[in-house]
């Protein structure tokens, strides 16, 4: 029960972060995910480790895999575990991609200020 509450709280914090004025918009964050993954794999973005990226990849595999820890025929429980993983995955990706967009903005501003 506490894990579900923690995931719901994380989702709420992510929603508030996305809707905060001046924060990267949702679609900006979504479009940044492939760039963020490439930057992490190349070692160009230190804000996220390869271990966390690996956990996110495992979450994606779990969501799309037909094999579940708790089978979906146990209707409420089986769907709840998938939804919990999805909620964690969405909040992790959206939150981290927002930090990555801010990282990109700092780099661009630093380059523009350095040229001036």
Protein backbone atom coordinates (compact mmCIF):
# COMPACT_ATOMS: atom_id res chain seq x y z
CA UNK A 1 0.00 0.00 0.00
CA UNK A 2 2.82 2.40 0.87
CA UNK A 3 4.55 1.71 -2.46
CA UNK A 4 1.38 2.66 -4.33
CA UNK A 5 1.12 5.88 -2.35
CA UNK A 6 4.77 6.67 -3.06
CA UNK A 7 4.26 6.11 -6.81
CA UNK A 8 1.16 8.30 -6.78
CA UNK A 9 3.08 11.03 -4.92
CA UNK A 10 5.93 10.80 -7.45
CA UNK A 11 3.43 11.11 -10.30
CA UNK A 12 1.91 14.19 -8.64
CA UNK A 13 5.35 15.79 -8.19
CA UNK A 14 6.15 15.12 -11.85
CA UNK A 15 2.83 16.67 -12.93
CA UNK A 16 3.53 19.78 -10.83
CA UNK A 17 7.07 19.98 -12.25
CA UNK A 18 5.83 19.76 -15.86
CA UNK A 19 3.15 22.42 -15.33
CA UNK A 20 5.43 24.84 -13.45
CA UNK A 21 6.01 28.07 -15.41
CA UNK A 22 9.42 28.10 -17.07
CA UNK A 23 9.78 24.34 -16.83
CA UNK A 24 10.21 22.29 -20.02
CA UNK A 25 6.83 21.30 -21.47
CA UNK A 26 5.72 17.67 -21.61
CA UNK A 27 6.34 17.21 -25.34
CA UNK A 28 9.75 18.89 -25.05
CA UNK A 29 10.63 16.32 -22.41
CA UNK A 30 9.29 13.41 -24.48
CA UNK A 31 11.26 14.51 -27.55
CA UNK A 32 14.41 14.81 -25.40
CA UNK A 33 14.31 11.17 -24.25
CA UNK A 34 16.21 9.70 -27.26
CA UNK A 35 18.85 12.47 -27.00
CA UNK A 36 19.16 11.84 -23.27
CA UNK A 37 19.63 8.09 -23.78
CA UNK A 38 22.35 8.71 -26.39
CA UNK A 39 24.08 11.24 -24.12
CA UNK A 40 24.04 8.82 -21.16
CA UNK A 41 25.39 5.97 -23.29
CA UNK A 42 28.21 8.19 -24.61
CA UNK A 43 29.01 9.51 -21.14
CA UNK A 44 28.10 13.08 -22.12
CA UNK A 45 25.39 13.47 -19.45
CA UNK A 46 26.38 12.74 -15.90
CA UNK A 47 22.98 13.49 -14.40
CA UNK A 48 21.85 9.92 -14.97
CA UNK A 49 23.93 6.79 -14.63
CA UNK A 50 23.92 3.79 -16.92
CA UNK A 51 22.54 1.72 -14.04
CA UNK A 52 19.41 3.85 -13.82
CA UNK A 53 19.10 3.76 -17.61
CA UNK A 54 19.31 -0.03 -17.38
CA UNK A 55 16.50 -0.10 -14.80
CA UNK A 56 14.36 2.03 -17.09
CA UNK A 57 15.10 -0.33 -19.98
CA UNK A 58 14.04 -3.27 -17.80
CA UNK A 59 10.81 -1.41 -16.99
CA UNK A 60 10.10 -0.98 -20.70
CA UNK A 61 10.78 -4.67 -21.33
CA UNK A 62 8.47 -5.62 -18.44
CA UNK A 63 5.66 -3.45 -19.80
CA UNK A 64 5.85 -4.85 -23.35
CA UNK A 65 6.64 -8.42 -22.33
CA UNK A 66 3.80 -10.96 -22.29
CA UNK A 67 5.36 -12.52 -19.18
CA UNK A 68 4.31 -10.94 -15.87
CA UNK A 69 5.34 -11.43 -12.27
CA UNK A 70 1.65 -11.32 -11.40
CA UNK A 71 -0.50 -12.65 -14.28
CA UNK A 72 -3.15 -10.33 -15.72
CA UNK A 73 -5.88 -12.94 -15.30
CA UNK A 74 -5.76 -11.98 -11.61
CA UNK A 75 -7.58 -8.91 -12.83
CA UNK A 76 -7.12 -6.23 -10.21
CA UNK A 77 -3.74 -7.32 -8.87
CA UNK A 78 -2.29 -8.32 -12.26
CA UNK A 79 -3.13 -5.01 -13.87
CA UNK A 80 -2.07 -3.02 -10.79
CA UNK A 81 1.52 -4.28 -10.95
CA UNK A 82 1.76 -3.36 -14.63
CA UNK A 83 0.30 0.06 -13.89
CA UNK A 84 2.74 0.54 -11.01
CA UNK A 85 5.69 -0.19 -13.28
CA UNK A 86 4.24 2.09 -15.96
CA UNK A 87 3.72 4.90 -13.46
CA UNK A 88 7.29 4.55 -12.16
CA UNK A 89 8.62 4.43 -15.72
CA UNK A 90 6.68 7.50 -16.83
CA UNK A 91 7.65 9.59 -13.81
CA UNK A 92 11.30 8.53 -14.09
CA UNK A 93 11.53 9.32 -17.80
CA UNK A 94 9.58 12.59 -17.68
CA UNK A 95 11.42 13.84 -14.60
CA UNK A 96 14.86 12.89 -15.85
CA UNK A 97 14.25 14.20 -19.36
CA UNK A 98 13.23 17.55 -17.85
CA UNK A 99 16.55 17.70 -16.02
CA UNK A 100 18.29 16.76 -19.27
CA UNK A 101 16.55 19.59 -21.16
CA UNK A 102 17.69 22.02 -18.45
CA UNK A 103 21.22 20.60 -18.83
CA UNK A 104 21.08 21.21 -22.60
CA UNK A 105 19.87 24.75 -22.03
CA UNK A 106 22.76 25.46 -19.65
CA UNK A 107 25.24 24.14 -22.22
CA UNK A 108 23.73 26.26 -25.01
CA UNK A 109 23.65 29.37 -22.82
CA UNK A 110 27.23 28.72 -21.74
CA UNK A 111 28.36 28.47 -25.35
CA UNK A 112 26.51 31.64 -26.34
CA UNK A 113 27.89 33.59 -23.36
CA UNK A 114 31.39 32.24 -24.03
CA UNK A 115 31.24 33.45 -27.65
CA UNK A 116 30.08 36.94 -26.75
